[in-house]
Amino acid sequence: MQIDDRDRKILSLLQADCRISNAELAAQAGMSASACWRRVRALEAAGIIENYGVTLDPGKLGLTFHAIVLVHLARHDPDKIKDFIHAVQARPEVQEVFATTGQADYHLRVRCRDIEAYNRLLEDFLFRQPAVQSAQTNVVLREIKRARAGLM
């Protein structure tokens, strides 16, 4: 699917407020409501719009500990890596996982209630994964920018 300027406008508006009505979306995009609805459905069908969601404030939910964890694997056995990936995907404290180049094999964004909860995550979960050799924790002191919108 080719994305044009009108599609980019629709995507930008939806990223800013995914609860916007189709009528308001169409008005702001400068098109009819039916044409706008068809474009949104086409963007969904093409997989460009993956989902709609809500952005939560982790601090207000009591998740005050925030870290980026650099994970180094002991073995690059495909089955152990697959098990590691499934395990971190299932943990709610692990919010994002990236396979990366450089010294670490994976970078994890982790949020927990406090340092004690994070220590339990390390000891009871992460260090028990057979593929994990070590982990380096980078505590987030302050969040400067968090992606919510703005890809377009």
C-alpha atoms as a PDB file:
ATOM      1  CA  MET A   1       0.000   0.000   0.000  1.00  0.00           C
ATOM      2  CA  GLN A   2       1.326   3.413  -0.945  1.00  0.00           C
ATOM      3  CA  ILE A   3       1.006   6.031   1.791  1.00  0.00           C
ATOM      4  CA  ASP A   4       0.161   9.546   0.645  1.00  0.00           C
ATOM      5  CA  ASP A   5      -0.013  12.862   2.520  1.00  0.00           C
ATOM      6  CA  ARG A   6      -3.654  12.367   3.434  1.00  0.00           C
ATOM      7  CA  ASP A   7      -2.882   8.941   4.935  1.00  0.00           C
ATOM      8  CA  ARG A   8      -0.016  10.504   6.895  1.00  0.00           C
ATOM      9  CA  LYS A   9      -2.404  13.151   8.223  1.00  0.00           C
ATOM     10  CA  ILE A  10      -4.897  10.477   9.305  1.00  0.00           C
ATOM     11  CA  LEU A  11      -2.139   8.457  11.001  1.00  0.00           C
ATOM     12  CA  SER A  12      -0.799  11.514  12.794  1.00  0.00           C
ATOM     13  CA  LEU A  13      -4.261  12.449  14.070  1.00  0.00           C
ATOM     14  CA  LEU A  14      -4.938   8.892  15.244  1.00  0.00           C
ATOM     15  CA  GLN A  15      -1.596   8.754  17.044  1.00  0.00           C
ATOM     16  CA  ALA A  16      -2.443  11.957  18.884  1.00  0.00           C
ATOM     17  CA  ASP A  17      -5.927  10.714  19.838  1.00  0.00           C
ATOM     18  CA  CYS A  18      -7.094   7.264  18.812  1.00  0.00           C
ATOM     19  CA  ARG A  19     -10.519   8.007  20.286  1.00  0.00           C
ATOM     20  CA  ILE A  20     -11.222  10.759  17.764  1.00  0.00           C
ATOM     21  CA  SER A  21     -14.541  10.252  15.992  1.00  0.00           C
ATOM     22  CA  ASN A  22     -14.488   9.403  12.312  1.00  0.00           C
ATOM     23  CA  ALA A  23     -16.392  12.620  11.576  1.00  0.00           C
ATOM     24  CA  GLU A  24     -13.780  14.740  13.391  1.00  0.00           C
ATOM     25  CA  LEU A  25     -10.932  12.763  11.838  1.00  0.00           C
ATOM     26  CA  ALA A  26     -12.385  13.323   8.378  1.00  0.00           C
ATOM     27  CA  ALA A  27     -12.905  17.038   9.020  1.00  0.00           C
ATOM     28  CA  GLN A  28      -9.331  17.523  10.239  1.00  0.00           C
ATOM     29  CA  ALA A  29      -7.962  15.448   7.334  1.00  0.00           C
ATOM     30  CA  GLY A  30     -10.020  17.490   4.862  1.00  0.00           C
ATOM     31  CA  MET A  31     -12.112  14.685   3.415  1.00  0.00           C
ATOM     32  CA  SER A  32     -15.565  13.119   3.595  1.00  0.00           C
ATOM     33  CA  ALA A  33     -16.396  10.806   6.477  1.00  0.00           C
ATOM     34  CA  SER A  34     -16.967   7.820   4.172  1.00  0.00           C
ATOM     35  CA  ALA A  35     -13.657   8.322   2.343  1.00  0.00           C
ATOM     36  CA  CYS A  36     -11.856   8.690   5.661  1.00  0.00           C
ATOM     37  CA  TRP A  37     -13.458   5.527   7.040  1.00  0.00           C
ATOM     38  CA  ARG A  38     -12.361   3.586   3.918  1.00  0.00           C
ATOM     39  CA  ARG A  39      -8.791   4.864   4.267  1.00  0.00           C
ATOM     40  CA  VAL A  40      -8.600   3.935   7.944  1.00  0.00           C
ATOM     41  CA  ARG A  41      -9.919   0.440   7.175  1.00  0.00           C
ATOM     42  CA  ALA A  42      -7.358   0.088   4.348  1.00  0.00           C
ATOM     43  CA  LEU A  43      -4.556   1.176   6.712  1.00  0.00           C
ATOM     44  CA  GLU A  44      -5.743  -1.419   9.242  1.00  0.00           C
ATOM     45  CA  ALA A  45      -6.012  -4.154   6.594  1.00  0.00           C
ATOM     46  CA  ALA A  46      -2.486  -3.378   5.348  1.00  0.00           C
ATOM     47  CA  GLY A  47      -1.162  -3.744   8.898  1.00  0.00           C
ATOM     48  CA  ILE A  48       0.060  -0.156   9.033  1.00  0.00           C
ATOM     49  CA  ILE A  49      -2.309   0.475  11.931  1.00  0.00           C
ATOM     50  CA  GLU A  50      -1.482  -2.418  14.224  1.00  0.00           C
ATOM     51  CA  ASN A  51      -3.773  -1.576  17.133  1.00  0.00           C
ATOM     52  CA  TYR A  52      -5.318   1.190  19.193  1.00  0.00           C
ATOM     53  CA  GLY A  53      -4.326   1.710  22.786  1.00  0.00           C
ATOM     54  CA  VAL A  54      -4.096   3.704  25.950  1.00  0.00           C
ATOM     55  CA  THR A  55      -0.908   5.269  27.319  1.00  0.00           C
ATOM     56  CA  LEU A  56      -0.600   4.771  31.065  1.00  0.00           C
ATOM     57  CA  ASP A  57       1.504   6.717  33.556  1.00  0.00           C
ATOM     58  CA  PRO A  58       3.697   4.052  35.231  1.00  0.00           C
ATOM     59  CA  GLY A  59       4.529   6.294  38.203  1.00  0.00           C
ATOM     60  CA  LYS A  60       0.864   6.804  39.022  1.00  0.00           C
ATOM     61  CA  LEU A  61       0.452   3.026  38.908  1.00  0.00           C
ATOM     62  CA  GLY A  62       3.178   2.615  41.530  1.00  0.00           C
ATOM     63  CA  LEU A  63       5.843   1.410  39.079  1.00  0.00           C
ATOM     64  CA  THR A  64       8.578   3.765  40.236  1.00  0.00           C
ATOM     65  CA  PHE A  65      11.629   1.637  39.360  1.00  0.00           C
ATOM     66  CA  HIS A  66      12.611   1.934  35.697  1.00  0.00           C
ATOM     67  CA  ALA A  67      15.688   0.376  34.116  1.00  0.00           C
ATOM     68  CA  ILE A  68      17.239  -0.638  30.847  1.00  0.00           C
ATOM     69  CA  VAL A  69      18.802  -4.055  31.305  1.00  0.00           C
ATOM     70  CA  LEU A  70      21.560  -5.247  28.988  1.00  0.00           C
ATOM     71  CA  VAL A  71      21.472  -9.036  28.810  1.00  0.00           C
ATOM     72  CA  HIS A  72      24.463 -11.096  27.734  1.00  0.00           C
ATOM     73  CA  LEU A  73      23.812 -14.679  26.675  1.00  0.00           C
ATOM     74  CA  ALA A  74      26.054 -17.559  27.703  1.00  0.00           C
ATOM     75  CA  ARG A  75      25.025 -19.724  24.788  1.00  0.00           C
ATOM     76  CA  HIS A  76      23.566 -18.925  21.434  1.00  0.00           C
ATOM     77  CA  ASP A  77      21.694 -22.195  21.236  1.00  0.00           C
ATOM     78  CA  PRO A  78      18.532 -21.545  19.151  1.00  0.00           C
ATOM     79  CA  ASP A  79      16.276 -23.485  21.543  1.00  0.00           C
ATOM     80  CA  LYS A  80      17.600 -21.645  24.613  1.00  0.00           C
ATOM     81  CA  ILE A  81      17.217 -18.303  22.846  1.00  0.00           C
ATOM     82  CA  LYS A  82      13.652 -19.194  21.897  1.00  0.00           C
ATOM     83  CA  ASP A  83      12.924 -20.132  25.527  1.00  0.00           C
ATOM     84  CA  PHE A  84      14.488 -16.861  26.728  1.00  0.00           C
ATOM     85  CA  ILE A  85      12.390 -14.814  24.309  1.00  0.00           C
ATOM     86  CA  HIS A  86       9.171 -16.557  25.329  1.00  0.00           C
ATOM     87  CA  ALA A  87      10.030 -16.116  29.009  1.00  0.00           C
ATOM     88  CA  VAL A  88      10.686 -12.363  28.805  1.00  0.00           C
ATOM     89  CA  GLN A  89       7.619 -11.829  26.629  1.00  0.00           C
ATOM     90  CA  ALA A  90       5.487 -13.380  29.371  1.00  0.00           C
ATOM     91  CA  ARG A  91       6.790 -11.149  32.182  1.00  0.00           C
ATOM     92  CA  PRO A  92       4.705  -7.994  32.725  1.00  0.00           C
ATOM     93  CA  GLU A  93       7.683  -6.175  34.292  1.00  0.00           C
ATOM     94  CA  VAL A  94       9.551  -6.524  31.005  1.00  0.00           C
ATOM     95  CA  GLN A  95       7.831  -3.959  28.856  1.00  0.00           C
ATOM     96  CA  GLU A  96      10.053  -3.997  25.784  1.00  0.00           C
ATOM     97  CA  VAL A  97      12.697  -6.366  24.441  1.00  0.00           C
ATOM     98  CA  PHE A  98      15.202  -5.622  21.704  1.00  0.00           C
ATOM     99  CA  ALA A  99      17.733  -7.979  20.137  1.00  0.00           C
ATOM    100  CA  THR A 100      20.710  -5.712  19.542  1.00  0.00           C
ATOM    101  CA  THR A 101      24.170  -5.460  18.083  1.00  0.00           C
ATOM    102  CA  GLY A 102      27.076  -4.452  20.277  1.00  0.00           C
ATOM    103  CA  GLN A 103      28.229  -5.902  23.570  1.00  0.00           C
ATOM    104  CA  ALA A 104      24.804  -6.955  24.869  1.00  0.00           C
ATOM    105  CA  ASP A 105      22.624  -9.460  23.057  1.00  0.00           C
ATOM    106  CA  TYR A 106      19.324  -8.020  24.320  1.00  0.00           C
ATOM    107  CA  HIS A 107      18.115  -4.784  25.853  1.00  0.00           C
ATOM    108  CA  LEU A 108      15.074  -4.964  28.131  1.00  0.00           C
ATOM    109  CA  ARG A 109      12.992  -2.040  29.365  1.00  0.00           C
ATOM    110  CA  VAL A 110      11.844  -3.022  32.849  1.00  0.00           C
ATOM    111  CA  ARG A 111       9.428  -1.337  35.246  1.00  0.00           C
ATOM    112  CA  CYS A 112       8.824  -2.557  38.783  1.00  0.00           C
ATOM    113  CA  ARG A 113       7.301  -1.267  41.975  1.00  0.00           C
ATOM    114  CA  ASP A 114      10.701  -0.709  43.627  1.00  0.00           C
ATOM    115  CA  ILE A 115      14.296  -1.937  43.807  1.00  0.00           C
ATOM    116  CA  GLU A 116      13.294  -4.949  45.914  1.00  0.00           C
ATOM    117  CA  ALA A 117      10.815  -6.072  43.265  1.00  0.00           C
ATOM    118  CA  TYR A 118      13.489  -5.619  40.623  1.00  0.00           C
ATOM    119  CA  ASN A 119      15.976  -7.663  42.644  1.00  0.00           C
ATOM    120  CA  ARG A 120      13.409 -10.472  42.895  1.00  0.00           C
ATOM    121  CA  LEU A 121      12.916 -10.299  39.109  1.00  0.00           C
ATOM    122  CA  LEU A 122      16.661 -10.715  38.636  1.00  0.00           C
ATOM    123  CA  GLU A 123      17.157 -13.503  41.155  1.00  0.00           C
ATOM    124  CA  ASP A 124      13.940 -15.458  40.690  1.00  0.00           C
ATOM    125  CA  PHE A 125      13.549 -15.033  36.958  1.00  0.00           C
ATOM    126  CA  LEU A 126      16.260 -13.543  34.782  1.00  0.00           C
ATOM    127  CA  PHE A 127      19.287 -15.287  36.282  1.00  0.00           C
ATOM    128  CA  ARG A 128      17.421 -18.601  36.158  1.00  0.00           C
ATOM    129  CA  GLN A 129      17.137 -18.471  32.387  1.00  0.00           C
ATOM    130  CA  PRO A 130      19.620 -21.032  30.991  1.00  0.00           C
ATOM    131  CA  ALA A 131      20.696 -18.768  28.133  1.00  0.00           C
ATOM    132  CA  VAL A 132      21.558 -15.789  30.378  1.00  0.00           C
ATOM    133  CA  GLN A 133      25.191 -15.291  31.338  1.00  0.00           C
ATOM    134  CA  SER A 134      24.926 -11.843  32.895  1.00  0.00           C
ATOM    135  CA  ALA A 135      22.919  -8.650  33.005  1.00  0.00           C
ATOM    136  CA  GLN A 136      23.905  -5.040  33.419  1.00  0.00           C
ATOM    137  CA  THR A 137      21.325  -2.682  34.861  1.00  0.00           C
ATOM    138  CA  ASN A 138      21.089   0.944  33.795  1.00  0.00           C
ATOM    139  CA  VAL A 139      18.642   2.690  36.121  1.00  0.00           C
ATOM    140  CA  VAL A 140      16.599   5.373  34.412  1.00  0.00           C
ATOM    141  CA  LEU A 141      16.969   8.572  36.411  1.00  0.00           C
ATOM    142  CA  ARG A 142      14.558  10.649  34.377  1.00  0.00           C
ATOM    143  CA  GLU A 143      12.481   9.998  31.290  1.00  0.00           C
ATOM    144  CA  ILE A 144      13.092  12.732  28.730  1.00  0.00           C
ATOM    145  CA  LYS A 145      10.929  11.480  25.864  1.00  0.00           C
ATOM    146  CA  ARG A 146       8.555   8.575  25.627  1.00  0.00           C
ATOM    147  CA  ALA A 147       7.096   7.574  22.281  1.00  0.00           C
ATOM    148  CA  ARG A 148       3.354   7.900  22.138  1.00  0.00           C
ATOM    149  CA  ALA A 149       2.828   9.619  18.872  1.00  0.00           C
ATOM    150  CA  GLY A 150       4.774  11.315  16.205  1.00  0.00           C
ATOM    151  CA  LEU A 151       5.918   8.642  13.792  1.00  0.00           C
ATOM    152  CA  MET A 152       4.351  10.602  10.997  1.00  0.00           C
END
